[in-house]
Amino acid sequence: MKAYTLAAPLTRLMQPGNLPKLSLTEAIRQHIDLLLVTRLGEYRFDPQLGNAVWQGDYAAITHPTLWKGETEQSLTELIQHYEKRIRFARVAVDVDELEETDRAGVRRRTRKRLTIRVNGTLIDIDEPMPELLFTIYINPVASQ
């Protein structure tokens, strides 16, 4: 099964002809990426769509292990609800800090980095999906 990219240029949509297509795994990766970077309640047509990770104050996390478990559970539920092409979605979240330095080696800032790994089974072919890896930087916010 092939899917269209979420980043199709608008000019291509208006022209006759075929648009580039993606593999099923890449289409799923793009959709999950969209779910991860959407703030909970941001999409007005479905207020439940979105990632609760963006709601928190990360400087005030008092129980990192509890926060990690709750985040993994929340993301698992989000993916299971909105990504219907996979089942048995499993999410693992690793949290670390990334220190950014300038050329002189002086620390500019420290950012929290979430590394999110998603596994599951592709429904169409009943085979394991290759592990998908996502990186989100919080404090300040960014994704990669």
N, C-alpha and C. Protein backbone atom coordinates (compact mmCIF):
# COMPACT_ATOMS: atom_id res chain seq x y z
N MET A 1 0.84 -1.17 0.00
CA MET A 1 0.00 0.00 0.00
C MET A 1 0.89 1.24 0.00
N LYS A 2 0.58 2.18 -0.84
CA LYS A 2 1.32 3.43 -0.93
C LYS A 2 0.44 4.57 -0.42
N ALA A 3 1.07 5.61 0.09
CA ALA A 3 0.34 6.77 0.60
C ALA A 3 1.02 8.03 0.09
N TYR A 4 0.29 9.14 0.16
CA TYR A 4 0.85 10.42 -0.25
C TYR A 4 1.55 11.08 0.92
N THR A 5 2.57 11.86 0.61
CA THR A 5 3.30 12.57 1.65
C THR A 5 2.46 13.71 2.22
N LEU A 6 2.67 14.01 3.49
CA LEU A 6 1.98 15.14 4.12
C LEU A 6 2.56 16.47 3.64
N ALA A 7 3.75 16.42 3.08
CA ALA A 7 4.44 17.64 2.68
C ALA A 7 4.39 17.86 1.16
N ALA A 8 3.30 17.46 0.53
CA ALA A 8 3.17 17.65 -0.92
C ALA A 8 3.10 19.14 -1.24
N PRO A 9 3.90 19.60 -2.19
CA PRO A 9 3.84 21.02 -2.56
C PRO A 9 2.47 21.36 -3.14
N LEU A 10 1.94 22.50 -2.72
CA LEU A 10 0.60 22.90 -3.19
C LEU A 10 0.53 23.05 -4.70
N THR A 11 1.60 23.51 -5.31
CA THR A 11 1.57 23.67 -6.77
C THR A 11 1.39 22.33 -7.47
N ARG A 12 1.94 21.27 -6.89
CA ARG A 12 1.79 19.93 -7.49
C ARG A 12 0.36 19.42 -7.36
N LEU A 13 -0.36 19.85 -6.32
CA LEU A 13 -1.74 19.40 -6.14
C LEU A 13 -2.66 19.96 -7.22
N MET A 14 -2.30 21.10 -7.77
CA MET A 14 -3.13 21.76 -8.77
C MET A 14 -2.82 21.33 -10.19
N GLN A 15 -1.76 20.58 -10.39
CA GLN A 15 -1.37 20.16 -11.72
C GLN A 15 -1.81 18.72 -11.97
N PRO A 16 -2.13 18.41 -13.21
CA PRO A 16 -2.48 17.02 -13.51
C PRO A 16 -1.25 16.13 -13.36
N GLY A 17 -1.50 14.88 -13.11
CA GLY A 17 -0.40 13.94 -12.98
C GLY A 17 -0.38 13.32 -11.60
N ASN A 18 0.53 12.39 -11.45
CA ASN A 18 0.63 11.66 -10.19
C ASN A 18 1.53 12.38 -9.20
N LEU A 19 1.15 12.31 -7.95
CA LEU A 19 1.97 12.84 -6.87
C LEU A 19 2.91 11.74 -6.37
N PRO A 20 4.06 12.13 -5.84
CA PRO A 20 4.95 11.12 -5.28
C PRO A 20 4.26 10.38 -4.13
N LYS A 21 4.53 9.10 -4.02
CA LYS A 21 3.92 8.29 -2.97
C LYS A 21 4.99 7.77 -2.03
N LEU A 22 4.55 7.43 -0.83
CA LEU A 22 5.44 6.92 0.21
C LEU A 22 5.15 5.46 0.50
N SER A 23 6.10 4.80 1.11
CA SER A 23 5.85 3.46 1.61
C SER A 23 4.91 3.56 2.82
N LEU A 24 4.29 2.47 3.18
CA LEU A 24 3.37 2.45 4.31
C LEU A 24 4.08 2.86 5.60
N THR A 25 5.27 2.36 5.81
CA THR A 25 6.01 2.68 7.04
C THR A 25 6.33 4.17 7.11
N GLU A 26 6.73 4.77 6.00
CA GLU A 26 7.05 6.21 6.00
C GLU A 26 5.78 7.03 6.20
N ALA A 27 4.66 6.61 5.64
CA ALA A 27 3.40 7.33 5.84
C ALA A 27 2.99 7.28 7.31
N ILE A 28 3.16 6.13 7.94
CA ILE A 28 2.86 5.99 9.36
C ILE A 28 3.80 6.87 10.18
N ARG A 29 5.09 6.90 9.81
CA ARG A 29 6.06 7.72 10.53
C ARG A 29 5.66 9.19 10.46
N GLN A 30 5.26 9.67 9.29
CA GLN A 30 4.86 11.07 9.14
C GLN A 30 3.62 11.38 9.97
N HIS A 31 2.67 10.44 10.00
CA HIS A 31 1.44 10.67 10.76
C HIS A 31 1.74 10.71 12.26
N ILE A 32 2.56 9.80 12.75
CA ILE A 32 2.92 9.79 14.17
C ILE A 32 3.70 11.06 14.52
N ASP A 33 4.58 11.49 13.62
CA ASP A 33 5.31 12.73 13.86
C ASP A 33 4.34 13.90 14.01
N LEU A 34 3.33 13.94 13.17
CA LEU A 34 2.31 14.98 13.27
C LEU A 34 1.57 14.91 14.61
N LEU A 35 1.24 13.69 15.05
CA LEU A 35 0.59 13.53 16.35
C LEU A 35 1.48 14.02 17.48
N LEU A 36 2.77 13.74 17.39
CA LEU A 36 3.71 14.12 18.45
C LEU A 36 3.91 15.62 18.57
N VAL A 37 3.87 16.33 17.46
CA VAL A 37 4.13 17.77 17.51
C VAL A 37 2.86 18.61 17.65
N THR A 38 1.70 17.98 17.67
CA THR A 38 0.44 18.70 17.84
C THR A 38 0.12 18.80 19.32
N ARG A 39 -0.09 20.02 19.78
CA ARG A 39 -0.43 20.26 21.18
C ARG A 39 -1.87 19.79 21.44
N LEU A 40 -2.09 19.18 22.58
CA LEU A 40 -3.42 18.72 22.95
C LEU A 40 -4.40 19.89 22.91
N GLY A 41 -5.50 19.72 22.18
CA GLY A 41 -6.51 20.76 22.05
C GLY A 41 -6.24 21.75 20.93
N GLU A 42 -5.12 21.63 20.24
CA GLU A 42 -4.77 22.57 19.17
C GLU A 42 -5.65 22.38 17.93
N TYR A 43 -6.06 21.17 17.66
CA TYR A 43 -6.87 20.87 16.49
C TYR A 43 -8.34 21.03 16.88
N ARG A 44 -8.97 22.09 16.43
CA ARG A 44 -10.30 22.44 16.92
C ARG A 44 -11.40 21.45 16.54
N PHE A 45 -11.19 20.65 15.51
CA PHE A 45 -12.22 19.70 15.09
C PHE A 45 -12.20 18.43 15.93
N ASP A 46 -11.10 18.21 16.65
CA ASP A 46 -10.99 17.06 17.55
C ASP A 46 -10.07 17.46 18.71
N PRO A 47 -10.63 17.99 19.78
CA PRO A 47 -9.81 18.49 20.89
C PRO A 47 -8.99 17.40 21.58
N GLN A 48 -9.34 16.13 21.37
CA GLN A 48 -8.58 15.03 21.99
C GLN A 48 -7.31 14.70 21.22
N LEU A 49 -7.22 15.16 19.98
CA LEU A 49 -6.03 14.89 19.17
C LEU A 49 -4.90 15.78 19.66
N GLY A 50 -3.77 15.18 19.88
CA GLY A 50 -2.61 15.95 20.30
C GLY A 50 -1.85 15.28 21.41
N ASN A 51 -0.70 15.85 21.70
CA ASN A 51 0.25 15.29 22.62
C ASN A 51 0.26 16.11 23.91
N ALA A 52 -0.02 15.46 25.03
CA ALA A 52 -0.06 16.14 26.32
C ALA A 52 1.33 16.52 26.81
N VAL A 53 2.38 16.04 26.17
CA VAL A 53 3.75 16.38 26.58
C VAL A 53 3.94 17.90 26.58
N TRP A 54 3.28 18.59 25.67
CA TRP A 54 3.48 20.03 25.54
C TRP A 54 2.79 20.81 26.65
N GLN A 55 2.00 20.17 27.49
CA GLN A 55 1.27 20.86 28.54
C GLN A 55 2.10 21.09 29.81
N GLY A 56 3.21 20.37 29.96
CA GLY A 56 3.91 20.33 31.24
C GLY A 56 4.94 21.41 31.46
N ASP A 57 5.32 21.55 32.72
CA ASP A 57 6.44 22.41 33.13
C ASP A 57 7.60 21.47 33.43
N TYR A 58 8.55 21.39 32.51
CA TYR A 58 9.59 20.38 32.61
C TYR A 58 10.67 20.72 33.62
N ALA A 59 10.76 21.96 34.00
CA ALA A 59 11.72 22.33 35.03
C ALA A 59 11.24 21.86 36.39
N ALA A 60 9.94 21.59 36.53
CA ALA A 60 9.37 21.23 37.83
C ALA A 60 9.03 19.74 37.94
N ILE A 61 9.60 18.90 37.11
CA ILE A 61 9.34 17.47 37.21
C ILE A 61 10.00 16.95 38.47
N THR A 62 9.19 16.49 39.41
CA THR A 62 9.74 16.01 40.69
C THR A 62 9.95 14.50 40.70
N HIS A 63 9.21 13.77 39.90
CA HIS A 63 9.33 12.31 39.82
C HIS A 63 9.57 11.90 38.37
N PRO A 64 10.82 11.94 37.90
CA PRO A 64 11.10 11.65 36.48
C PRO A 64 10.63 10.27 36.03
N THR A 65 10.74 9.26 36.88
CA THR A 65 10.33 7.91 36.50
C THR A 65 8.82 7.84 36.31
N LEU A 66 8.09 8.46 37.22
CA LEU A 66 6.63 8.51 37.11
C LEU A 66 6.22 9.29 35.87
N TRP A 67 6.88 10.45 35.61
CA TRP A 67 6.58 11.26 34.44
C TRP A 67 6.82 10.47 33.16
N LYS A 68 7.94 9.74 33.12
CA LYS A 68 8.28 8.94 31.94
C LYS A 68 7.21 7.88 31.68
N GLY A 69 6.80 7.17 32.73
CA GLY A 69 5.76 6.15 32.58
C GLY A 69 4.44 6.71 32.11
N GLU A 70 4.04 7.85 32.68
CA GLU A 70 2.80 8.49 32.26
C GLU A 70 2.88 8.98 30.82
N THR A 71 4.04 9.49 30.43
CA THR A 71 4.23 9.95 29.05
C THR A 71 4.17 8.80 28.08
N GLU A 72 4.82 7.68 28.40
CA GLU A 72 4.75 6.50 27.53
C GLU A 72 3.33 6.01 27.39
N GLN A 73 2.58 5.98 28.48
CA GLN A 73 1.18 5.53 28.44
C GLN A 73 0.34 6.48 27.59
N SER A 74 0.52 7.77 27.79
CA SER A 74 -0.24 8.77 27.04
C SER A 74 0.04 8.67 25.54
N LEU A 75 1.31 8.55 25.17
CA LEU A 75 1.66 8.45 23.75
C LEU A 75 1.17 7.14 23.14
N THR A 76 1.22 6.06 23.90
CA THR A 76 0.71 4.78 23.41
C THR A 76 -0.78 4.89 23.10
N GLU A 77 -1.54 5.48 24.02
CA GLU A 77 -2.98 5.65 23.80
C GLU A 77 -3.26 6.55 22.61
N LEU A 78 -2.48 7.62 22.48
CA LEU A 78 -2.65 8.54 21.34
C LEU A 78 -2.44 7.81 20.02
N ILE A 79 -1.37 7.05 19.92
CA ILE A 79 -1.05 6.34 18.68
C ILE A 79 -2.06 5.24 18.40
N GLN A 80 -2.45 4.50 19.42
CA GLN A 80 -3.43 3.44 19.21
C GLN A 80 -4.77 4.00 18.75
N HIS A 81 -5.13 5.17 19.23
CA HIS A 81 -6.42 5.75 18.86
C HIS A 81 -6.42 6.35 17.46
N TYR A 82 -5.33 7.02 17.07
CA TYR A 82 -5.33 7.78 15.81
C TYR A 82 -4.57 7.11 14.66
N GLU A 83 -3.75 6.15 14.93
CA GLU A 83 -3.02 5.48 13.84
C GLU A 83 -3.57 4.06 13.69
N LYS A 84 -4.55 3.92 12.78
CA LYS A 84 -5.28 2.66 12.63
C LYS A 84 -4.56 1.64 11.75
N ARG A 85 -3.42 1.99 11.19
CA ARG A 85 -2.70 1.05 10.33
C ARG A 85 -1.76 0.15 11.11
N ILE A 86 -1.63 0.40 12.41
CA ILE A 86 -0.81 -0.49 13.24
C ILE A 86 -1.62 -0.92 14.45
N ARG A 87 -1.25 -2.06 15.00
CA ARG A 87 -1.86 -2.52 16.25
C ARG A 87 -0.74 -2.93 17.19
N PHE A 88 -1.10 -3.08 18.43
CA PHE A 88 -0.13 -3.42 19.48
C PHE A 88 0.99 -2.39 19.54
N ALA A 89 0.61 -1.12 19.41
CA ALA A 89 1.63 -0.06 19.46
C ALA A 89 2.30 -0.06 20.83
N ARG A 90 3.62 0.05 20.80
CA ARG A 90 4.41 0.14 22.01
C ARG A 90 5.30 1.36 21.89
N VAL A 91 5.33 2.14 22.95
CA VAL A 91 6.11 3.37 22.94
C VAL A 91 7.10 3.32 24.11
N ALA A 92 8.34 3.67 23.82
CA ALA A 92 9.36 3.81 24.86
C ALA A 92 9.93 5.22 24.76
N VAL A 93 10.06 5.87 25.90
CA VAL A 93 10.56 7.24 25.95
C VAL A 93 11.83 7.27 26.79
N ASP A 94 12.86 7.86 26.25
CA ASP A 94 14.10 8.11 27.00
C ASP A 94 14.26 9.61 27.13
N VAL A 95 14.63 10.06 28.32
CA VAL A 95 14.81 11.48 28.58
C VAL A 95 16.27 11.71 28.97
N ASP A 96 16.89 12.68 28.32
CA ASP A 96 18.23 13.09 28.74
C ASP A 96 18.38 14.58 28.51
N GLU A 97 19.52 15.10 28.89
CA GLU A 97 19.77 16.53 28.70
C GLU A 97 20.91 16.70 27.72
N LEU A 98 20.74 17.65 26.86
CA LEU A 98 21.74 17.94 25.83
C LEU A 98 22.31 19.32 26.11
N GLU A 99 23.61 19.37 26.34
CA GLU A 99 24.25 20.66 26.56
C GLU A 99 24.80 21.17 25.24
N GLU A 100 24.41 22.38 24.91
CA GLU A 100 24.89 23.00 23.67
C GLU A 100 25.95 24.02 24.03
N THR A 101 27.07 23.96 23.32
CA THR A 101 28.18 24.87 23.59
C THR A 101 28.49 25.67 22.33
N ASP A 102 29.13 26.80 22.53
CA ASP A 102 29.56 27.58 21.37
C ASP A 102 30.94 27.09 20.93
N ARG A 103 31.52 27.74 19.96
CA ARG A 103 32.81 27.29 19.41
C ARG A 103 33.94 27.35 20.43
N ALA A 104 33.82 28.21 21.41
CA ALA A 104 34.85 28.34 22.43
C ALA A 104 34.67 27.30 23.55
N GLY A 105 33.62 26.51 23.45
CA GLY A 105 33.37 25.49 24.46
C GLY A 105 32.57 25.99 25.65
N VAL A 106 32.05 27.20 25.57
CA VAL A 106 31.24 27.76 26.64
C VAL A 106 29.81 27.27 26.49
N ARG A 107 29.26 26.76 27.59
CA ARG A 107 27.89 26.22 27.55
C ARG A 107 26.90 27.35 27.28
N ARG A 108 26.11 27.19 26.21
CA ARG A 108 25.09 28.18 25.84
C ARG A 108 23.76 27.87 26.53
N ARG A 109 23.36 26.62 26.49
CA ARG A 109 22.09 26.23 27.10
C ARG A 109 22.02 24.72 27.26
N THR A 110 21.12 24.29 28.10
CA THR A 110 20.86 22.87 28.29
C THR A 110 19.40 22.64 27.92
N ARG A 111 19.17 21.64 27.08
CA ARG A 111 17.81 21.31 26.67
C ARG A 111 17.50 19.87 27.03
N LYS A 112 16.26 19.63 27.42
CA LYS A 112 15.80 18.26 27.64
C LYS A 112 15.46 17.66 26.28
N ARG A 113 15.87 16.41 26.10
CA ARG A 113 15.62 15.73 24.83
C ARG A 113 14.84 14.45 25.12
N LEU A 114 13.73 14.29 24.42
CA LEU A 114 12.95 13.05 24.47
C LEU A 114 13.27 12.26 23.22
N THR A 115 13.68 11.03 23.41
CA THR A 115 13.86 10.10 22.30
C THR A 115 12.71 9.11 22.41
N ILE A 116 11.90 9.05 21.40
CA ILE A 116 10.67 8.24 21.42
C ILE A 116 10.81 7.14 20.38
N ARG A 117 10.66 5.89 20.83
CA ARG A 117 10.72 4.74 19.94
C ARG A 117 9.32 4.11 19.89
N VAL A 118 8.84 3.86 18.67
CA VAL A 118 7.51 3.30 18.47
C VAL A 118 7.64 1.99 17.71
N ASN A 119 7.01 0.96 18.24
CA ASN A 119 6.95 -0.35 17.59
C ASN A 119 5.49 -0.77 17.50
N GLY A 120 5.23 -1.72 16.65
CA GLY A 120 3.88 -2.24 16.51
C GLY A 120 3.83 -3.24 15.37
N THR A 121 2.64 -3.66 15.04
CA THR A 121 2.42 -4.62 13.96
C THR A 121 1.62 -3.95 12.86
N LEU A 122 2.11 -4.07 11.63
CA LEU A 122 1.38 -3.53 10.48
C LEU A 122 0.16 -4.41 10.23
N ILE A 123 -1.01 -3.82 10.26
CA ILE A 123 -2.25 -4.59 10.13
C ILE A 123 -2.38 -5.23 8.75
N ASP A 124 -2.08 -4.47 7.69
CA ASP A 124 -2.28 -4.97 6.32
C ASP A 124 -1.52 -6.25 6.03
N ILE A 125 -0.31 -6.37 6.54
CA ILE A 125 0.51 -7.54 6.21
C ILE A 125 0.81 -8.41 7.43
N ASP A 126 0.28 -8.00 8.60
CA ASP A 126 0.43 -8.76 9.85
C ASP A 126 1.90 -9.09 10.13
N GLU A 127 2.76 -8.08 9.97
CA GLU A 127 4.19 -8.22 10.26
C GLU A 127 4.63 -7.08 11.16
N PRO A 128 5.72 -7.29 11.89
CA PRO A 128 6.22 -6.20 12.73
C PRO A 128 6.65 -5.01 11.90
N MET A 129 6.32 -3.84 12.39
CA MET A 129 6.73 -2.61 11.74
C MET A 129 8.16 -2.30 12.17
N PRO A 130 9.00 -1.81 11.28
CA PRO A 130 10.33 -1.38 11.71
C PRO A 130 10.20 -0.30 12.78
N GLU A 131 11.10 -0.33 13.75
CA GLU A 131 11.04 0.65 14.83
C GLU A 131 11.17 2.07 14.28
N LEU A 132 10.29 2.94 14.75
CA LEU A 132 10.31 4.34 14.34
C LEU A 132 10.92 5.15 15.48
N LEU A 133 11.81 6.06 15.14
CA LEU A 133 12.52 6.86 16.13
C LEU A 133 12.21 8.34 15.92
N PHE A 134 11.85 9.02 17.01
CA PHE A 134 11.52 10.44 16.97
C PHE A 134 12.31 11.13 18.08
N THR A 135 12.69 12.39 17.83
CA THR A 135 13.38 13.18 18.84
C THR A 135 12.64 14.49 19.01
N ILE A 136 12.32 14.81 20.26
CA ILE A 136 11.67 16.07 20.59
C ILE A 136 12.52 16.77 21.64
N TYR A 137 12.81 18.03 21.41
CA TYR A 137 13.54 18.83 22.38
C TYR A 137 12.55 19.71 23.12
N ILE A 138 12.62 19.69 24.44
CA ILE A 138 11.75 20.54 25.24
C ILE A 138 12.62 21.42 26.12
N ASN A 139 12.11 22.58 26.46
CA ASN A 139 12.88 23.57 27.23
C ASN A 139 14.11 24.03 26.50
N PRO A 140 14.08 24.75 25.46
CA PRO A 140 12.97 25.21 24.63
C PRO A 140 12.49 24.10 23.69
N VAL A 141 11.31 24.30 23.15
CA VAL A 141 10.62 23.28 22.36
C VAL A 141 11.12 23.24 20.93
N ALA A 142 11.31 22.01 20.41
CA ALA A 142 11.65 21.79 19.01
C ALA A 142 11.48 20.31 18.72
N SER A 143 11.40 19.92 17.46
CA SER A 143 11.36 18.51 17.10
C SER A 143 12.30 18.27 15.95
N GLN A 144 12.67 16.98 15.80
CA GLN A 144 13.62 16.62 14.73
C GLN A 144 13.14 15.35 14.08
